[in-house]
Amino acid sequence: MEREFWLERWEKNQLGWHLSDTNPMLARYWGALDVTRGAGVFVPLCGKSLDMRYLESLGHTVVGVELSEAAIQAYFEERGEQPSRDELFYLVRYEGPQTTIYCGDFFDLHAPDILGIRAVYDRGALIALPPSVREKYVDHMLRIVPEHAHILLIALEYDQSRISGPPHAVSESEIVSLYSPRCRVELLDRVATSELPPRFVEAGVEGAAETVYHIVKEH
């Protein structure tokens, strides 16, 4: 259901979660990761996020993965870039000047596909997934990224009894439970936000908090 939900949103151009500028939490906290300029950054379920352009501006090469081919095409078209397109076994690879985006299922991505990655930026992936898939997602992520990789994770907390998501509410205790066996997890910030999808407001969700985590894979 979640897969069809996101694809339908792209098809109908219902992009309530898409920011028209860099996420302020990324700009504020990326430096805390101390990732070397030029290091590769992986962005799961990336859509056409302008956060990738911000990471490029810092000198990083960016690798993303996204279900929607329309989102990937829009990402390059909006900058006037013409990426190469290569059909692989399970995935289609779009490669631009500084960004490579794989079109397909995150779980079909493997470590050789993201060689050179030293960090991960997750603003919309974990919170896009239902509880039944989140443990599988984190396990696969930690299998394909290298040891000592840094992860900047932005999550969302709200009263999920009002509406089921996506985007889903993911608590600090769940994030610690998901990552802590193999990672060091640090909460950097928790900030109230009123930037919610219209259907959340209609359902009576009065407020939410964005949470920011610095996670380091230790083994």
N, C-alpha and C. Protein backbone atom coordinates (compact mmCIF):
# COMPACT_ATOMS: atom_id res chain seq x y z
N MET A 1 0.83 -1.20 0.00
CA MET A 1 0.00 0.00 0.00
C MET A 1 0.87 1.26 0.00
N GLU A 2 1.93 1.28 0.82
CA GLU A 2 2.77 2.47 0.90
C GLU A 2 3.40 2.78 -0.45
N ARG A 3 3.85 1.74 -1.16
CA ARG A 3 4.48 1.94 -2.47
C ARG A 3 3.50 2.62 -3.42
N GLU A 4 2.28 2.11 -3.48
CA GLU A 4 1.28 2.69 -4.38
C GLU A 4 0.91 4.11 -3.93
N PHE A 5 0.89 4.34 -2.63
CA PHE A 5 0.57 5.68 -2.11
C PHE A 5 1.53 6.71 -2.65
N TRP A 6 2.85 6.44 -2.54
CA TRP A 6 3.84 7.43 -2.96
C TRP A 6 3.86 7.58 -4.48
N LEU A 7 3.74 6.49 -5.20
CA LEU A 7 3.72 6.59 -6.66
C LEU A 7 2.52 7.40 -7.14
N GLU A 8 1.37 7.19 -6.50
CA GLU A 8 0.18 7.95 -6.87
C GLU A 8 0.35 9.43 -6.56
N ARG A 9 1.01 9.73 -5.46
CA ARG A 9 1.24 11.13 -5.11
C ARG A 9 2.10 11.82 -6.18
N TRP A 10 3.12 11.12 -6.65
CA TRP A 10 3.95 11.72 -7.70
C TRP A 10 3.17 11.86 -8.99
N GLU A 11 2.40 10.84 -9.32
CA GLU A 11 1.64 10.86 -10.56
C GLU A 11 0.63 12.02 -10.57
N LYS A 12 0.03 12.31 -9.42
CA LYS A 12 -0.97 13.38 -9.33
C LYS A 12 -0.37 14.72 -8.91
N ASN A 13 0.97 14.73 -8.76
CA ASN A 13 1.68 15.94 -8.36
C ASN A 13 1.19 16.48 -7.02
N GLN A 14 0.86 15.59 -6.11
CA GLN A 14 0.44 15.95 -4.76
C GLN A 14 1.66 15.88 -3.84
N LEU A 15 2.42 16.96 -3.82
CA LEU A 15 3.74 16.94 -3.19
C LEU A 15 3.77 17.78 -1.92
N GLY A 16 2.82 17.52 -1.03
CA GLY A 16 2.73 18.31 0.19
C GLY A 16 3.96 18.21 1.07
N TRP A 17 4.76 17.16 0.94
CA TRP A 17 5.94 16.97 1.78
C TRP A 17 7.19 17.57 1.12
N HIS A 18 7.09 18.00 -0.17
CA HIS A 18 8.27 18.47 -0.89
C HIS A 18 8.55 19.92 -0.55
N LEU A 19 9.74 20.22 -0.02
CA LEU A 19 10.11 21.59 0.33
C LEU A 19 10.66 22.31 -0.89
N SER A 20 10.38 23.61 -0.98
CA SER A 20 10.85 24.41 -2.11
C SER A 20 12.23 25.00 -1.86
N ASP A 21 12.85 24.63 -0.74
CA ASP A 21 14.19 25.10 -0.42
C ASP A 21 14.87 24.03 0.44
N THR A 22 16.12 24.28 0.78
CA THR A 22 16.85 23.34 1.62
C THR A 22 16.19 23.21 2.99
N ASN A 23 16.11 21.99 3.49
CA ASN A 23 15.58 21.78 4.83
C ASN A 23 16.49 22.50 5.84
N PRO A 24 15.92 23.38 6.67
CA PRO A 24 16.77 24.14 7.60
C PRO A 24 17.52 23.26 8.59
N MET A 25 16.96 22.09 8.91
CA MET A 25 17.67 21.18 9.82
C MET A 25 18.94 20.61 9.17
N LEU A 26 18.87 20.38 7.87
CA LEU A 26 20.06 19.91 7.16
C LEU A 26 21.14 20.99 7.19
N ALA A 27 20.75 22.21 6.85
CA ALA A 27 21.72 23.31 6.83
C ALA A 27 22.33 23.55 8.21
N ARG A 28 21.51 23.38 9.25
CA ARG A 28 21.98 23.67 10.61
C ARG A 28 22.89 22.58 11.16
N TYR A 29 22.59 21.32 10.83
CA TYR A 29 23.27 20.23 11.54
C TYR A 29 24.22 19.38 10.69
N TRP A 30 24.26 19.58 9.38
CA TRP A 30 25.15 18.74 8.58
C TRP A 30 26.60 18.87 9.04
N GLY A 31 27.01 20.07 9.42
CA GLY A 31 28.38 20.27 9.86
C GLY A 31 28.75 19.47 11.09
N ALA A 32 27.75 19.10 11.90
CA ALA A 32 28.02 18.32 13.11
C ALA A 32 28.54 16.92 12.78
N LEU A 33 28.28 16.45 11.56
CA LEU A 33 28.74 15.12 11.17
C LEU A 33 30.21 15.11 10.80
N ASP A 34 30.76 16.29 10.48
CA ASP A 34 32.18 16.42 10.12
C ASP A 34 32.54 15.47 8.97
N VAL A 35 31.70 15.48 7.93
CA VAL A 35 31.94 14.63 6.76
C VAL A 35 32.88 15.36 5.81
N THR A 36 33.92 14.68 5.36
CA THR A 36 34.93 15.28 4.50
C THR A 36 34.32 15.80 3.21
N ARG A 37 34.73 16.98 2.79
CA ARG A 37 34.28 17.54 1.52
C ARG A 37 34.68 16.57 0.40
N GLY A 38 33.75 16.30 -0.50
CA GLY A 38 33.99 15.38 -1.60
C GLY A 38 33.55 13.96 -1.32
N ALA A 39 33.27 13.66 -0.04
CA ALA A 39 32.80 12.32 0.30
C ALA A 39 31.41 12.08 -0.27
N GLY A 40 31.11 10.84 -0.59
CA GLY A 40 29.80 10.49 -1.13
C GLY A 40 28.74 10.47 -0.05
N VAL A 41 27.54 10.94 -0.40
CA VAL A 41 26.40 10.95 0.52
C VAL A 41 25.24 10.19 -0.12
N PHE A 42 24.66 9.28 0.63
CA PHE A 42 23.53 8.48 0.16
C PHE A 42 22.24 9.07 0.69
N VAL A 43 21.26 9.26 -0.21
CA VAL A 43 19.95 9.81 0.16
C VAL A 43 18.87 8.80 -0.23
N PRO A 44 18.37 8.01 0.71
CA PRO A 44 17.34 7.01 0.39
C PRO A 44 15.98 7.65 0.20
N LEU A 45 15.18 7.07 -0.71
CA LEU A 45 13.83 7.56 -1.02
C LEU A 45 13.87 9.08 -1.23
N CYS A 46 14.72 9.49 -2.17
CA CYS A 46 15.14 10.89 -2.28
C CYS A 46 14.13 11.80 -2.97
N GLY A 47 13.19 11.25 -3.77
CA GLY A 47 12.30 12.11 -4.53
C GLY A 47 13.09 13.04 -5.43
N LYS A 48 12.69 14.32 -5.48
CA LYS A 48 13.46 15.32 -6.21
C LYS A 48 13.97 16.40 -5.24
N SER A 49 14.31 15.96 -4.05
CA SER A 49 14.65 16.86 -2.96
C SER A 49 15.77 17.84 -3.31
N LEU A 50 15.54 19.12 -3.03
CA LEU A 50 16.57 20.13 -3.22
C LEU A 50 17.69 19.99 -2.20
N ASP A 51 17.47 19.19 -1.16
CA ASP A 51 18.55 18.93 -0.22
C ASP A 51 19.75 18.28 -0.91
N MET A 52 19.50 17.53 -1.97
CA MET A 52 20.61 16.93 -2.71
C MET A 52 21.45 18.00 -3.38
N ARG A 53 20.81 19.07 -3.88
CA ARG A 53 21.55 20.18 -4.48
C ARG A 53 22.39 20.89 -3.42
N TYR A 54 21.85 21.01 -2.22
CA TYR A 54 22.61 21.61 -1.14
C TYR A 54 23.86 20.79 -0.84
N LEU A 55 23.70 19.48 -0.75
CA LEU A 55 24.85 18.62 -0.49
C LEU A 55 25.88 18.71 -1.61
N GLU A 56 25.41 18.81 -2.85
CA GLU A 56 26.32 19.03 -3.98
C GLU A 56 27.10 20.33 -3.81
N SER A 57 26.41 21.38 -3.34
CA SER A 57 27.07 22.68 -3.19
C SER A 57 28.19 22.63 -2.15
N LEU A 58 28.13 21.65 -1.26
CA LEU A 58 29.19 21.48 -0.25
C LEU A 58 30.34 20.62 -0.77
N GLY A 59 30.23 20.21 -2.04
CA GLY A 59 31.30 19.43 -2.65
C GLY A 59 31.10 17.94 -2.61
N HIS A 60 29.95 17.47 -2.14
CA HIS A 60 29.70 16.04 -2.06
C HIS A 60 29.17 15.50 -3.39
N THR A 61 29.51 14.27 -3.68
CA THR A 61 28.78 13.52 -4.70
C THR A 61 27.60 12.86 -4.00
N VAL A 62 26.49 12.75 -4.70
CA VAL A 62 25.25 12.28 -4.08
C VAL A 62 24.74 11.07 -4.83
N VAL A 63 24.33 10.05 -4.08
CA VAL A 63 23.68 8.87 -4.64
C VAL A 63 22.32 8.73 -3.97
N GLY A 64 21.27 8.67 -4.77
CA GLY A 64 19.93 8.50 -4.23
C GLY A 64 19.26 7.25 -4.78
N VAL A 65 18.16 6.89 -4.17
CA VAL A 65 17.31 5.82 -4.70
C VAL A 65 15.87 6.28 -4.53
N GLU A 66 15.06 6.02 -5.57
CA GLU A 66 13.70 6.55 -5.59
C GLU A 66 12.81 5.65 -6.44
N LEU A 67 11.58 5.38 -5.95
CA LEU A 67 10.64 4.54 -6.68
C LEU A 67 10.11 5.21 -7.94
N SER A 68 9.88 6.52 -7.87
CA SER A 68 9.18 7.22 -8.94
C SER A 68 10.14 7.74 -10.00
N GLU A 69 9.98 7.24 -11.22
CA GLU A 69 10.80 7.72 -12.32
C GLU A 69 10.47 9.18 -12.64
N ALA A 70 9.20 9.56 -12.44
CA ALA A 70 8.80 10.95 -12.68
C ALA A 70 9.57 11.91 -11.77
N ALA A 71 9.77 11.52 -10.51
CA ALA A 71 10.50 12.36 -9.57
C ALA A 71 11.95 12.52 -10.00
N ILE A 72 12.57 11.45 -10.44
CA ILE A 72 13.97 11.49 -10.87
C ILE A 72 14.12 12.38 -12.10
N GLN A 73 13.24 12.19 -13.06
CA GLN A 73 13.32 13.01 -14.27
C GLN A 73 13.13 14.48 -13.95
N ALA A 74 12.19 14.78 -13.04
CA ALA A 74 11.95 16.17 -12.65
C ALA A 74 13.18 16.77 -11.97
N TYR A 75 13.87 15.98 -11.18
CA TYR A 75 15.06 16.47 -10.47
C TYR A 75 16.10 16.99 -11.46
N PHE A 76 16.36 16.22 -12.49
CA PHE A 76 17.37 16.64 -13.46
C PHE A 76 16.84 17.72 -14.40
N GLU A 77 15.60 17.61 -14.82
CA GLU A 77 15.03 18.58 -15.75
C GLU A 77 14.98 19.98 -15.15
N GLU A 78 14.69 20.08 -13.88
CA GLU A 78 14.58 21.39 -13.23
C GLU A 78 15.91 22.11 -13.15
N ARG A 79 17.02 21.41 -13.34
CA ARG A 79 18.34 22.03 -13.39
C ARG A 79 18.89 22.04 -14.82
N GLY A 80 18.09 21.57 -15.76
CA GLY A 80 18.53 21.56 -17.15
C GLY A 80 19.62 20.54 -17.43
N GLU A 81 19.67 19.48 -16.64
CA GLU A 81 20.69 18.43 -16.83
C GLU A 81 20.11 17.26 -17.61
N GLN A 82 20.95 16.61 -18.36
CA GLN A 82 20.55 15.44 -19.14
C GLN A 82 21.36 14.24 -18.68
N PRO A 83 20.85 13.49 -17.73
CA PRO A 83 21.61 12.37 -17.18
C PRO A 83 21.65 11.20 -18.15
N SER A 84 22.70 10.39 -18.00
CA SER A 84 22.70 9.11 -18.73
C SER A 84 21.72 8.17 -18.04
N ARG A 85 21.20 7.21 -18.79
CA ARG A 85 20.21 6.27 -18.25
C ARG A 85 20.64 4.85 -18.61
N ASP A 86 20.86 4.03 -17.60
CA ASP A 86 21.32 2.65 -17.81
C ASP A 86 20.38 1.70 -17.09
N GLU A 87 19.85 0.72 -17.83
CA GLU A 87 18.98 -0.29 -17.22
C GLU A 87 19.83 -1.42 -16.67
N LEU A 88 19.73 -1.62 -15.37
CA LEU A 88 20.46 -2.69 -14.69
C LEU A 88 19.51 -3.85 -14.46
N PHE A 89 19.92 -4.81 -13.63
CA PHE A 89 19.12 -6.02 -13.48
C PHE A 89 17.77 -5.71 -12.83
N TYR A 90 17.81 -5.03 -11.68
CA TYR A 90 16.56 -4.67 -10.99
C TYR A 90 16.30 -3.17 -11.00
N LEU A 91 17.31 -2.39 -11.23
CA LEU A 91 17.24 -0.94 -11.08
C LEU A 91 17.57 -0.24 -12.39
N VAL A 92 17.17 1.02 -12.49
CA VAL A 92 17.57 1.88 -13.60
C VAL A 92 18.42 3.00 -12.99
N ARG A 93 19.61 3.22 -13.54
CA ARG A 93 20.54 4.21 -12.98
C ARG A 93 20.55 5.47 -13.84
N TYR A 94 20.23 6.60 -13.21
CA TYR A 94 20.34 7.91 -13.84
C TYR A 94 21.58 8.59 -13.27
N GLU A 95 22.48 9.02 -14.15
CA GLU A 95 23.72 9.60 -13.67
C GLU A 95 23.92 10.99 -14.27
N GLY A 96 23.95 12.00 -13.39
CA GLY A 96 24.18 13.37 -13.79
C GLY A 96 25.58 13.82 -13.38
N PRO A 97 25.86 15.14 -13.46
CA PRO A 97 27.20 15.65 -13.16
C PRO A 97 27.70 15.30 -11.76
N GLN A 98 26.84 15.46 -10.74
CA GLN A 98 27.25 15.16 -9.36
C GLN A 98 26.29 14.21 -8.66
N THR A 99 25.22 13.84 -9.32
CA THR A 99 24.19 13.03 -8.68
C THR A 99 23.91 11.77 -9.48
N THR A 100 23.88 10.65 -8.79
CA THR A 100 23.42 9.39 -9.37
C THR A 100 22.17 8.97 -8.61
N ILE A 101 21.08 8.71 -9.34
CA ILE A 101 19.85 8.26 -8.68
C ILE A 101 19.41 6.95 -9.31
N TYR A 102 19.20 5.96 -8.46
CA TYR A 102 18.69 4.66 -8.90
C TYR A 102 17.17 4.68 -8.80
N CYS A 103 16.53 4.27 -9.87
CA CYS A 103 15.07 4.15 -9.87
C CYS A 103 14.71 2.70 -9.56
N GLY A 104 13.98 2.50 -8.48
CA GLY A 104 13.60 1.15 -8.11
C GLY A 104 13.44 1.02 -6.60
N ASP A 105 13.42 -0.21 -6.16
CA ASP A 105 13.18 -0.54 -4.75
C ASP A 105 14.48 -0.41 -3.95
N PHE A 106 14.43 0.31 -2.85
CA PHE A 106 15.58 0.44 -1.95
C PHE A 106 16.20 -0.90 -1.61
N PHE A 107 15.38 -1.93 -1.43
CA PHE A 107 15.88 -3.23 -1.00
C PHE A 107 16.60 -3.99 -2.13
N ASP A 108 16.56 -3.46 -3.34
CA ASP A 108 17.32 -4.04 -4.44
C ASP A 108 18.69 -3.37 -4.60
N LEU A 109 18.98 -2.40 -3.75
CA LEU A 109 20.26 -1.70 -3.79
C LEU A 109 21.26 -2.46 -2.93
N HIS A 110 22.51 -2.55 -3.41
CA HIS A 110 23.55 -3.28 -2.69
C HIS A 110 24.80 -2.42 -2.52
N ALA A 111 25.69 -2.85 -1.66
CA ALA A 111 26.87 -2.06 -1.32
C ALA A 111 27.66 -1.61 -2.55
N PRO A 112 27.91 -2.46 -3.56
CA PRO A 112 28.67 -1.99 -4.73
C PRO A 112 28.00 -0.83 -5.47
N ASP A 113 26.68 -0.70 -5.33
CA ASP A 113 25.97 0.40 -6.00
C ASP A 113 26.28 1.75 -5.38
N ILE A 114 26.74 1.77 -4.12
CA ILE A 114 26.98 3.03 -3.43
C ILE A 114 28.42 3.12 -2.92
N LEU A 115 29.36 2.58 -3.68
CA LEU A 115 30.77 2.66 -3.31
C LEU A 115 31.17 4.13 -3.16
N GLY A 116 31.98 4.42 -2.15
CA GLY A 116 32.43 5.78 -1.92
C GLY A 116 31.56 6.56 -0.95
N ILE A 117 30.45 5.96 -0.53
CA ILE A 117 29.56 6.62 0.41
C ILE A 117 30.22 6.67 1.80
N ARG A 118 30.16 7.84 2.41
CA ARG A 118 30.68 7.99 3.77
C ARG A 118 29.61 8.51 4.74
N ALA A 119 28.47 8.92 4.17
CA ALA A 119 27.41 9.46 5.03
C ALA A 119 26.05 9.22 4.39
N VAL A 120 25.01 9.31 5.21
CA VAL A 120 23.63 9.12 4.76
C VAL A 120 22.81 10.31 5.26
N TYR A 121 21.95 10.81 4.39
CA TYR A 121 21.00 11.84 4.80
C TYR A 121 19.60 11.27 4.60
N ASP A 122 18.89 11.08 5.71
CA ASP A 122 17.54 10.50 5.69
C ASP A 122 16.57 11.51 6.25
N ARG A 123 15.90 12.23 5.36
CA ARG A 123 14.87 13.17 5.80
C ARG A 123 13.48 12.59 5.61
N GLY A 124 13.29 11.73 4.60
CA GLY A 124 11.94 11.29 4.31
C GLY A 124 11.77 9.80 4.13
N ALA A 125 12.81 9.02 4.39
CA ALA A 125 12.72 7.58 4.14
C ALA A 125 12.11 6.82 5.31
N LEU A 126 12.72 6.92 6.49
CA LEU A 126 12.24 6.15 7.64
C LEU A 126 10.78 6.51 7.95
N ILE A 127 10.44 7.78 7.88
CA ILE A 127 9.09 8.20 8.23
C ILE A 127 8.07 7.90 7.12
N ALA A 128 8.56 7.48 5.96
CA ALA A 128 7.65 7.08 4.88
C ALA A 128 7.18 5.64 5.06
N LEU A 129 7.85 4.90 5.94
CA LEU A 129 7.62 3.46 6.03
C LEU A 129 6.75 3.10 7.23
N PRO A 130 5.87 2.10 7.08
CA PRO A 130 5.05 1.65 8.20
C PRO A 130 5.91 0.89 9.21
N PRO A 131 5.44 0.73 10.44
CA PRO A 131 6.22 0.04 11.47
C PRO A 131 6.70 -1.34 11.05
N SER A 132 5.91 -2.06 10.28
CA SER A 132 6.26 -3.43 9.89
C SER A 132 7.48 -3.49 8.97
N VAL A 133 7.85 -2.38 8.36
CA VAL A 133 8.95 -2.37 7.39
C VAL A 133 10.19 -1.66 7.94
N ARG A 134 10.03 -0.87 8.98
CA ARG A 134 11.15 -0.03 9.44
C ARG A 134 12.35 -0.84 9.91
N GLU A 135 12.12 -1.93 10.62
CA GLU A 135 13.26 -2.75 11.07
C GLU A 135 14.01 -3.34 9.88
N LYS A 136 13.29 -3.81 8.87
CA LYS A 136 13.91 -4.34 7.66
C LYS A 136 14.71 -3.24 6.95
N TYR A 137 14.14 -2.04 6.90
CA TYR A 137 14.81 -0.90 6.25
C TYR A 137 16.14 -0.59 6.93
N VAL A 138 16.13 -0.47 8.26
CA VAL A 138 17.35 -0.14 8.98
C VAL A 138 18.38 -1.25 8.84
N ASP A 139 17.94 -2.50 8.92
CA ASP A 139 18.87 -3.62 8.77
C ASP A 139 19.55 -3.59 7.41
N HIS A 140 18.76 -3.35 6.35
CA HIS A 140 19.35 -3.30 5.01
C HIS A 140 20.29 -2.10 4.87
N MET A 141 19.89 -0.96 5.41
CA MET A 141 20.74 0.23 5.35
C MET A 141 22.10 -0.05 5.97
N LEU A 142 22.09 -0.67 7.15
CA LEU A 142 23.34 -0.90 7.86
C LEU A 142 24.17 -2.01 7.23
N ARG A 143 23.56 -2.81 6.39
CA ARG A 143 24.30 -3.83 5.65
C ARG A 143 25.06 -3.24 4.46
N ILE A 144 24.49 -2.19 3.85
CA ILE A 144 25.08 -1.69 2.60
C ILE A 144 25.97 -0.46 2.79
N VAL A 145 25.85 0.26 3.91
CA VAL A 145 26.74 1.41 4.12
C VAL A 145 27.98 0.94 4.86
N PRO A 146 29.11 1.63 4.68
CA PRO A 146 30.36 1.17 5.30
C PRO A 146 30.40 1.41 6.80
N GLU A 147 31.31 0.71 7.46
CA GLU A 147 31.54 0.93 8.88
C GLU A 147 31.96 2.37 9.11
N HIS A 148 31.50 2.94 10.21
CA HIS A 148 31.78 4.32 10.61
C HIS A 148 31.05 5.35 9.75
N ALA A 149 30.10 4.92 8.94
CA ALA A 149 29.29 5.87 8.19
C ALA A 149 28.48 6.72 9.16
N HIS A 150 28.34 8.00 8.82
CA HIS A 150 27.54 8.93 9.61
C HIS A 150 26.16 9.07 8.97
N ILE A 151 25.12 9.11 9.79
CA ILE A 151 23.76 9.27 9.30
C ILE A 151 23.14 10.49 9.97
N LEU A 152 22.62 11.42 9.16
CA LEU A 152 21.79 12.50 9.69
C LEU A 152 20.35 12.12 9.40
N LEU A 153 19.60 11.84 10.45
CA LEU A 153 18.21 11.40 10.34
C LEU A 153 17.28 12.47 10.87
N ILE A 154 16.30 12.85 10.05
CA ILE A 154 15.26 13.78 10.48
C ILE A 154 13.95 13.01 10.53
N ALA A 155 13.35 12.96 11.70
CA ALA A 155 12.12 12.20 11.90
C ALA A 155 11.00 13.14 12.35
N LEU A 156 9.84 12.55 12.58
CA LEU A 156 8.65 13.33 12.88
C LEU A 156 7.90 12.69 14.05
N GLU A 157 7.42 13.51 14.97
CA GLU A 157 6.59 13.03 16.08
C GLU A 157 5.28 13.80 16.07
N TYR A 158 4.16 13.08 16.18
CA TYR A 158 2.85 13.71 16.27
C TYR A 158 1.87 12.68 16.82
N ASP A 159 0.65 13.11 17.07
CA ASP A 159 -0.38 12.22 17.62
C ASP A 159 -0.91 11.33 16.49
N GLN A 160 -0.38 10.12 16.40
CA GLN A 160 -0.76 9.25 15.30
C GLN A 160 -2.12 8.59 15.51
N SER A 161 -2.74 8.82 16.66
CA SER A 161 -4.11 8.34 16.84
C SER A 161 -5.09 9.15 15.99
N ARG A 162 -4.65 10.33 15.56
CA ARG A 162 -5.49 11.19 14.72
C ARG A 162 -5.49 10.75 13.27
N ILE A 163 -4.34 10.29 12.80
CA ILE A 163 -4.19 9.90 11.40
C ILE A 163 -3.01 8.94 11.32
N SER A 164 -3.07 8.01 10.40
CA SER A 164 -2.09 6.93 10.39
C SER A 164 -0.82 7.22 9.60
N GLY A 165 -0.81 8.32 8.80
CA GLY A 165 0.35 8.54 7.95
C GLY A 165 0.27 7.66 6.72
N PRO A 166 1.22 7.70 5.81
CA PRO A 166 2.50 8.42 5.90
C PRO A 166 2.36 9.92 5.62
N PRO A 167 3.35 10.73 6.03
CA PRO A 167 4.52 10.33 6.81
C PRO A 167 4.13 9.91 8.22
N HIS A 168 4.88 8.94 8.74
CA HIS A 168 4.57 8.34 10.03
C HIS A 168 5.31 9.03 11.16
N ALA A 169 4.72 8.96 12.33
CA ALA A 169 5.42 9.38 13.55
C ALA A 169 6.36 8.27 13.98
N VAL A 170 7.60 8.64 14.30
CA VAL A 170 8.58 7.67 14.79
C VAL A 170 9.23 8.27 16.04
N SER A 171 9.05 7.61 17.17
CA SER A 171 9.50 8.14 18.45
C SER A 171 11.00 7.96 18.64
N GLU A 172 11.55 8.71 19.60
CA GLU A 172 12.96 8.57 19.93
C GLU A 172 13.26 7.15 20.41
N SER A 173 12.38 6.59 21.23
CA SER A 173 12.64 5.24 21.76
C SER A 173 12.69 4.21 20.64
N GLU A 174 11.84 4.37 19.62
CA GLU A 174 11.89 3.42 18.50
C GLU A 174 13.17 3.58 17.70
N ILE A 175 13.58 4.81 17.47
CA ILE A 175 14.81 5.04 16.71
C ILE A 175 16.02 4.46 17.43
N VAL A 176 16.08 4.67 18.73
CA VAL A 176 17.18 4.09 19.51
C VAL A 176 17.13 2.57 19.42
N SER A 177 15.95 1.99 19.52
CA SER A 177 15.81 0.54 19.44
C SER A 177 16.23 0.00 18.09
N LEU A 178 15.89 0.72 17.01
CA LEU A 178 16.22 0.27 15.66
C LEU A 178 17.72 0.32 15.38
N TYR A 179 18.38 1.37 15.83
CA TYR A 179 19.78 1.60 15.44
C TYR A 179 20.81 1.22 16.49
N SER A 180 20.45 1.28 17.78
CA SER A 180 21.48 1.20 18.81
C SER A 180 22.25 -0.11 18.88
N PRO A 181 21.70 -1.25 18.45
CA PRO A 181 22.54 -2.45 18.54
C PRO A 181 23.84 -2.35 17.73
N ARG A 182 23.81 -1.60 16.63
CA ARG A 182 25.00 -1.50 15.77
C ARG A 182 25.52 -0.08 15.65
N CYS A 183 24.85 0.88 16.28
CA CYS A 183 25.19 2.28 16.06
C CYS A 183 25.19 3.07 17.37
N ARG A 184 25.88 4.20 17.32
CA ARG A 184 25.76 5.21 18.37
C ARG A 184 24.71 6.21 17.91
N VAL A 185 23.74 6.52 18.77
CA VAL A 185 22.62 7.39 18.41
C VAL A 185 22.61 8.59 19.34
N GLU A 186 22.57 9.79 18.74
CA GLU A 186 22.53 11.03 19.52
C GLU A 186 21.39 11.92 19.00
N LEU A 187 20.51 12.31 19.88
CA LEU A 187 19.46 13.27 19.54
C LEU A 187 20.08 14.66 19.54
N LEU A 188 20.03 15.35 18.40
CA LEU A 188 20.60 16.68 18.29
C LEU A 188 19.59 17.78 18.58
N ASP A 189 18.32 17.55 18.22
CA ASP A 189 17.34 18.61 18.39
C ASP A 189 15.92 18.05 18.26
N ARG A 190 15.00 18.75 18.88
CA ARG A 190 13.57 18.48 18.72
C ARG A 190 12.88 19.83 18.63
N VAL A 191 12.25 20.10 17.48
CA VAL A 191 11.71 21.43 17.20
C VAL A 191 10.26 21.31 16.77
N ALA A 192 9.40 22.10 17.39
CA ALA A 192 7.99 22.12 17.00
C ALA A 192 7.85 22.64 15.58
N THR A 193 6.94 22.03 14.82
CA THR A 193 6.70 22.46 13.45
C THR A 193 5.21 22.48 13.16
N SER A 194 4.82 23.45 12.35
CA SER A 194 3.42 23.52 11.89
C SER A 194 3.33 23.17 10.41
N GLU A 195 4.47 22.79 9.81
CA GLU A 195 4.49 22.44 8.38
C GLU A 195 4.04 20.99 8.22
N LEU A 196 2.73 20.80 8.13
CA LEU A 196 2.15 19.47 8.04
C LEU A 196 1.34 19.35 6.76
N PRO A 197 1.23 18.15 6.21
CA PRO A 197 0.37 17.95 5.04
C PRO A 197 -1.05 18.39 5.33
N PRO A 198 -1.76 18.93 4.35
CA PRO A 198 -3.13 19.42 4.57
C PRO A 198 -4.04 18.38 5.20
N ARG A 199 -3.90 17.12 4.82
CA ARG A 199 -4.80 16.09 5.36
C ARG A 199 -4.55 15.86 6.85
N PHE A 200 -3.35 16.18 7.34
CA PHE A 200 -3.08 16.08 8.78
C PHE A 200 -3.87 17.15 9.52
N VAL A 201 -3.85 18.36 8.99
CA VAL A 201 -4.58 19.46 9.61
C VAL A 201 -6.08 19.15 9.61
N GLU A 202 -6.57 18.61 8.50
CA GLU A 202 -7.98 18.25 8.40
C GLU A 202 -8.36 17.18 9.42
N ALA A 203 -7.42 16.32 9.77
CA ALA A 203 -7.68 15.24 10.72
C ALA A 203 -7.56 15.71 12.17
N GLY A 204 -7.19 16.96 12.37
CA GLY A 204 -7.10 17.49 13.72
C GLY A 204 -5.75 17.41 14.38
N VAL A 205 -4.70 17.12 13.59
CA VAL A 205 -3.35 17.14 14.15
C VAL A 205 -2.95 18.59 14.35
N GLU A 206 -2.80 19.01 15.59
CA GLU A 206 -2.58 20.42 15.89
C GLU A 206 -1.12 20.82 15.89
N GLY A 207 -0.26 19.88 16.04
CA GLY A 207 1.16 20.21 16.06
C GLY A 207 2.00 18.96 15.95
N ALA A 208 3.27 19.16 15.64
CA ALA A 208 4.20 18.04 15.51
C ALA A 208 5.59 18.55 15.86
N ALA A 209 6.51 17.63 15.98
CA ALA A 209 7.90 18.00 16.24
C ALA A 209 8.80 17.28 15.25
N GLU A 210 9.75 18.03 14.70
CA GLU A 210 10.82 17.41 13.91
C GLU A 210 11.96 17.08 14.86
N THR A 211 12.47 15.88 14.73
CA THR A 211 13.60 15.46 15.55
C THR A 211 14.79 15.19 14.65
N VAL A 212 15.98 15.50 15.16
CA VAL A 212 17.20 15.37 14.37
C VAL A 212 18.18 14.49 15.14
N TYR A 213 18.71 13.47 14.46
CA TYR A 213 19.62 12.52 15.09
C TYR A 213 20.93 12.42 14.31
N HIS A 214 22.01 12.29 15.05
CA HIS A 214 23.30 11.93 14.46
C HIS A 214 23.58 10.48 14.86
N ILE A 215 23.67 9.63 13.85
CA ILE A 215 23.85 8.19 14.07
C ILE A 215 25.15 7.77 13.42
N VAL A 216 25.95 6.99 14.11
CA VAL A 216 27.22 6.51 13.56
C VAL A 216 27.23 4.99 13.62
N LYS A 217 27.44 4.37 12.47
CA LYS A 217 27.53 2.91 12.42
C LYS A 217 28.88 2.48 13.01
N GLU A 218 28.83 1.68 14.06
CA GLU A 218 30.05 1.27 14.75
C GLU A 218 30.50 -0.13 14.39
N HIS A 219 29.57 -1.01 14.02
CA HIS A 219 29.92 -2.38 13.61
C HIS A 219 28.75 -3.02 12.89
